[in-house]
Amino acid sequence: QVQLVESGGRLVQAGGSLRLSCAASGRTFNNYIRGWFRQDPGKERTFVAAITWNGASTYDSGSVKGRFTISRDNAKNTVYLQMNSLKPDDTAVYFCAADRALSYSAKNWGSWGQGTQVTVSS
């Protein structure tokens, strides 16, 4: 069974940092683009960041540019999201995803984790 499992979400104060992890099991996603999305209740899932299969290129949304960094360790089949200078607006459920092609739309990604809650208090 293919699984993407996120971890690392928790309550943190504004200005703090968190590192989210997404480990894959059941198959390797080393040739896939890996991404992070986030979702508030009642809203659409929005793009946060993505990284190519070899880590050569990364993409992020304007709202997190300069604060969040995506990275991956293919030996561990894991992707990370380092989040610094967190703001209350960053509060959301964060999901990791994998697919063969980059898209800024969540509907185009084929594999998803179950999500991890990040809450940033003011």
C-alpha atoms as a PDB file:
ATOM      1  CA  GLN A   1       0.000   0.000   0.000  1.00  0.00           C
ATOM      2  CA  VAL A   2       1.342   3.389  -1.006  1.00  0.00           C
ATOM      3  CA  GLN A   3       1.428   5.898   1.802  1.00  0.00           C
ATOM      4  CA  LEU A   4       2.589   9.446   2.343  1.00  0.00           C
ATOM      5  CA  VAL A   5       2.746  10.288   6.026  1.00  0.00           C
ATOM      6  CA  GLU A   6       3.262  13.819   7.286  1.00  0.00           C
ATOM      7  CA  SER A   7       4.598  14.701  10.702  1.00  0.00           C
ATOM      8  CA  GLY A   8       5.881  17.716  12.602  1.00  0.00           C
ATOM      9  CA  GLY A   9       2.783  19.866  12.853  1.00  0.00           C
ATOM     10  CA  ARG A  10       2.007  21.452  16.208  1.00  0.00           C
ATOM     11  CA  LEU A  11       1.149  24.686  17.986  1.00  0.00           C
ATOM     12  CA  VAL A  12       3.839  27.344  17.717  1.00  0.00           C
ATOM     13  CA  GLN A  13       4.060  31.042  18.506  1.00  0.00           C
ATOM     14  CA  ALA A  14       4.286  33.660  15.797  1.00  0.00           C
ATOM     15  CA  GLY A  15       7.873  34.160  14.715  1.00  0.00           C
ATOM     16  CA  GLY A  16       8.764  30.576  15.510  1.00  0.00           C
ATOM     17  CA  SER A  17       9.888  27.724  13.267  1.00  0.00           C
ATOM     18  CA  LEU A  18       8.732  24.225  12.397  1.00  0.00           C
ATOM     19  CA  ARG A  19       9.971  21.491  10.131  1.00  0.00           C
ATOM     20  CA  LEU A  20       7.421  19.229   8.535  1.00  0.00           C
ATOM     21  CA  SER A  21       8.360  15.838   7.176  1.00  0.00           C
ATOM     22  CA  CYS A  22       6.613  13.605   4.675  1.00  0.00           C
ATOM     23  CA  ALA A  23       7.793  10.031   4.484  1.00  0.00           C
ATOM     24  CA  ALA A  24       6.734   7.723   1.672  1.00  0.00           C
ATOM     25  CA  SER A  25       6.261   4.006   2.050  1.00  0.00           C
ATOM     26  CA  GLY A  26       5.034   1.227  -0.180  1.00  0.00           C
ATOM     27  CA  ARG A  27       6.817   2.605  -3.209  1.00  0.00           C
ATOM     28  CA  THR A  28       9.496   5.081  -4.096  1.00  0.00           C
ATOM     29  CA  PHE A  29       8.688   8.591  -5.249  1.00  0.00           C
ATOM     30  CA  ASN A  30      12.260   9.420  -6.087  1.00  0.00           C
ATOM     31  CA  ASN A  31      11.403  10.201  -9.707  1.00  0.00           C
ATOM     32  CA  TYR A  32       8.390  12.267  -8.753  1.00  0.00           C
ATOM     33  CA  ILE A  33       7.903  15.908  -8.016  1.00  0.00           C
ATOM     34  CA  ARG A  34       7.046  16.323  -4.345  1.00  0.00           C
ATOM     35  CA  GLY A  35       4.966  19.166  -3.020  1.00  0.00           C
ATOM     36  CA  TRP A  36       3.293  20.749  -0.025  1.00  0.00           C
ATOM     37  CA  PHE A  37      -0.178  22.263   0.068  1.00  0.00           C
ATOM     38  CA  ARG A  38      -2.231  23.731   2.895  1.00  0.00           C
ATOM     39  CA  GLN A  39      -5.908  24.016   3.594  1.00  0.00           C
ATOM     40  CA  ASP A  40      -8.108  26.020   5.919  1.00  0.00           C
ATOM     41  CA  PRO A  41     -11.535  24.635   6.896  1.00  0.00           C
ATOM     42  CA  GLY A  42     -14.051  25.313   4.168  1.00  0.00           C
ATOM     43  CA  LYS A  43     -11.422  26.541   1.726  1.00  0.00           C
ATOM     44  CA  GLU A  44      -9.572  25.038  -1.188  1.00  0.00           C
ATOM     45  CA  ARG A  45      -6.241  23.359  -0.815  1.00  0.00           C
ATOM     46  CA  THR A  46      -3.557  25.821  -1.932  1.00  0.00           C
ATOM     47  CA  PHE A  47      -0.041  25.373  -3.205  1.00  0.00           C
ATOM     48  CA  VAL A  48       2.827  26.051  -0.825  1.00  0.00           C
ATOM     49  CA  ALA A  49       5.995  24.627  -2.368  1.00  0.00           C
ATOM     50  CA  ALA A  50       7.319  21.913  -4.663  1.00  0.00           C
ATOM     51  CA  ILE A  51      10.639  20.350  -5.536  1.00  0.00           C
ATOM     52  CA  THR A  52      11.804  18.412  -8.586  1.00  0.00           C
ATOM     53  CA  TRP A  53      12.901  14.798  -8.367  1.00  0.00           C
ATOM     54  CA  ASN A  54      16.582  15.642  -7.993  1.00  0.00           C
ATOM     55  CA  GLY A  55      16.131  18.773  -5.902  1.00  0.00           C
ATOM     56  CA  ALA A  56      17.575  20.968  -8.628  1.00  0.00           C
ATOM     57  CA  SER A  57      14.553  23.246  -8.766  1.00  0.00           C
ATOM     58  CA  THR A  58      12.114  24.428  -6.163  1.00  0.00           C
ATOM     59  CA  TYR A  59       8.931  26.431  -6.428  1.00  0.00           C
ATOM     60  CA  ASP A  60       7.005  28.270  -3.754  1.00  0.00           C
ATOM     61  CA  SER A  61       4.039  30.553  -3.384  1.00  0.00           C
ATOM     62  CA  GLY A  62       4.514  34.262  -2.924  1.00  0.00           C
ATOM     63  CA  SER A  63       3.077  34.165   0.567  1.00  0.00           C
ATOM     64  CA  VAL A  64       5.842  31.910   1.875  1.00  0.00           C
ATOM     65  CA  LYS A  65       8.770  33.043  -0.253  1.00  0.00           C
ATOM     66  CA  GLY A  66      11.831  33.704   1.852  1.00  0.00           C
ATOM     67  CA  ARG A  67      10.306  32.015   4.895  1.00  0.00           C
ATOM     68  CA  PHE A  68       9.645  28.392   3.859  1.00  0.00           C
ATOM     69  CA  THR A  69      12.147  26.022   2.253  1.00  0.00           C
ATOM     70  CA  ILE A  70      11.361  22.685   0.675  1.00  0.00           C
ATOM     71  CA  SER A  71      13.974  19.957   0.473  1.00  0.00           C
ATOM     72  CA  ARG A  72      14.118  16.211  -0.066  1.00  0.00           C
ATOM     73  CA  ASP A  73      16.204  13.202   0.826  1.00  0.00           C
ATOM     74  CA  ASN A  74      15.659  10.512  -1.779  1.00  0.00           C
ATOM     75  CA  ALA A  75      17.642   7.975   0.222  1.00  0.00           C
ATOM     76  CA  LYS A  76      14.960   8.301   2.895  1.00  0.00           C
ATOM     77  CA  ASN A  77      12.080   8.770   0.438  1.00  0.00           C
ATOM     78  CA  THR A  78      11.226  11.880   2.449  1.00  0.00           C
ATOM     79  CA  VAL A  79      10.465  15.518   1.706  1.00  0.00           C
ATOM     80  CA  TYR A  80      10.707  18.351   4.212  1.00  0.00           C
ATOM     81  CA  LEU A  81       9.231  21.796   4.654  1.00  0.00           C
ATOM     82  CA  GLN A  82      11.252  24.125   6.843  1.00  0.00           C
ATOM     83  CA  MET A  83       9.004  26.948   7.999  1.00  0.00           C
ATOM     84  CA  ASN A  84      10.539  30.039   9.589  1.00  0.00           C
ATOM     85  CA  SER A  85       9.106  33.351  10.733  1.00  0.00           C
ATOM     86  CA  LEU A  86       5.701  31.757  11.076  1.00  0.00           C
ATOM     87  CA  LYS A  87       2.619  33.955  11.065  1.00  0.00           C
ATOM     88  CA  PRO A  88      -0.930  33.306  12.314  1.00  0.00           C
ATOM     89  CA  ASP A  89      -2.012  33.285   8.639  1.00  0.00           C
ATOM     90  CA  ASP A  90       0.122  30.168   8.165  1.00  0.00           C
ATOM     91  CA  THR A  91      -2.289  28.228  10.368  1.00  0.00           C
ATOM     92  CA  ALA A  92      -3.717  25.358   8.316  1.00  0.00           C
ATOM     93  CA  VAL A  93      -3.608  21.640   7.724  1.00  0.00           C
ATOM     94  CA  TYR A  94      -0.516  20.932   5.650  1.00  0.00           C
ATOM     95  CA  PHE A  95      -0.577  18.116   3.113  1.00  0.00           C
ATOM     96  CA  CYS A  96       2.246  16.563   1.155  1.00  0.00           C
ATOM     97  CA  ALA A  97       1.741  15.310  -2.367  1.00  0.00           C
ATOM     98  CA  ALA A  98       3.564  13.542  -5.156  1.00  0.00           C
ATOM     99  CA  ASP A  99       3.113  13.458  -8.905  1.00  0.00           C
ATOM    100  CA  ARG A 100       5.071  13.191 -12.117  1.00  0.00           C
ATOM    101  CA  ALA A 101       4.296  16.731 -13.238  1.00  0.00           C
ATOM    102  CA  LEU A 102       4.353  20.077 -11.500  1.00  0.00           C
ATOM    103  CA  SER A 103       1.054  21.819 -11.030  1.00  0.00           C
ATOM    104  CA  TYR A 104      -0.029  24.658  -8.782  1.00  0.00           C
ATOM    105  CA  SER A 105      -3.499  23.109  -8.624  1.00  0.00           C
ATOM    106  CA  ALA A 106      -4.152  20.458  -6.018  1.00  0.00           C
ATOM    107  CA  LYS A 107      -6.563  18.613  -8.290  1.00  0.00           C
ATOM    108  CA  ASN A 108      -3.702  17.598 -10.569  1.00  0.00           C
ATOM    109  CA  TRP A 109      -1.674  15.782  -7.912  1.00  0.00           C
ATOM    110  CA  GLY A 110      -2.232  12.048  -7.662  1.00  0.00           C
ATOM    111  CA  SER A 111      -0.867  10.991  -4.274  1.00  0.00           C
ATOM    112  CA  TRP A 112      -1.584  12.629  -0.928  1.00  0.00           C
ATOM    113  CA  GLY A 113      -0.834  12.287   2.736  1.00  0.00           C
ATOM    114  CA  GLN A 114      -3.427  12.626   5.463  1.00  0.00           C
ATOM    115  CA  GLY A 115      -2.273  16.068   6.602  1.00  0.00           C
ATOM    116  CA  THR A 116      -0.732  17.568   9.714  1.00  0.00           C
ATOM    117  CA  GLN A 117      -2.107  20.521  11.661  1.00  0.00           C
ATOM    118  CA  VAL A 118       0.013  23.627  12.051  1.00  0.00           C
ATOM    119  CA  THR A 119      -1.328  26.287  14.382  1.00  0.00           C
ATOM    120  CA  VAL A 120       0.457  29.603  14.819  1.00  0.00           C
ATOM    121  CA  SER A 121      -0.631  31.689  17.781  1.00  0.00           C
ATOM    122  CA  SER A 122      -0.274  35.464  17.893  1.00  0.00           C
END
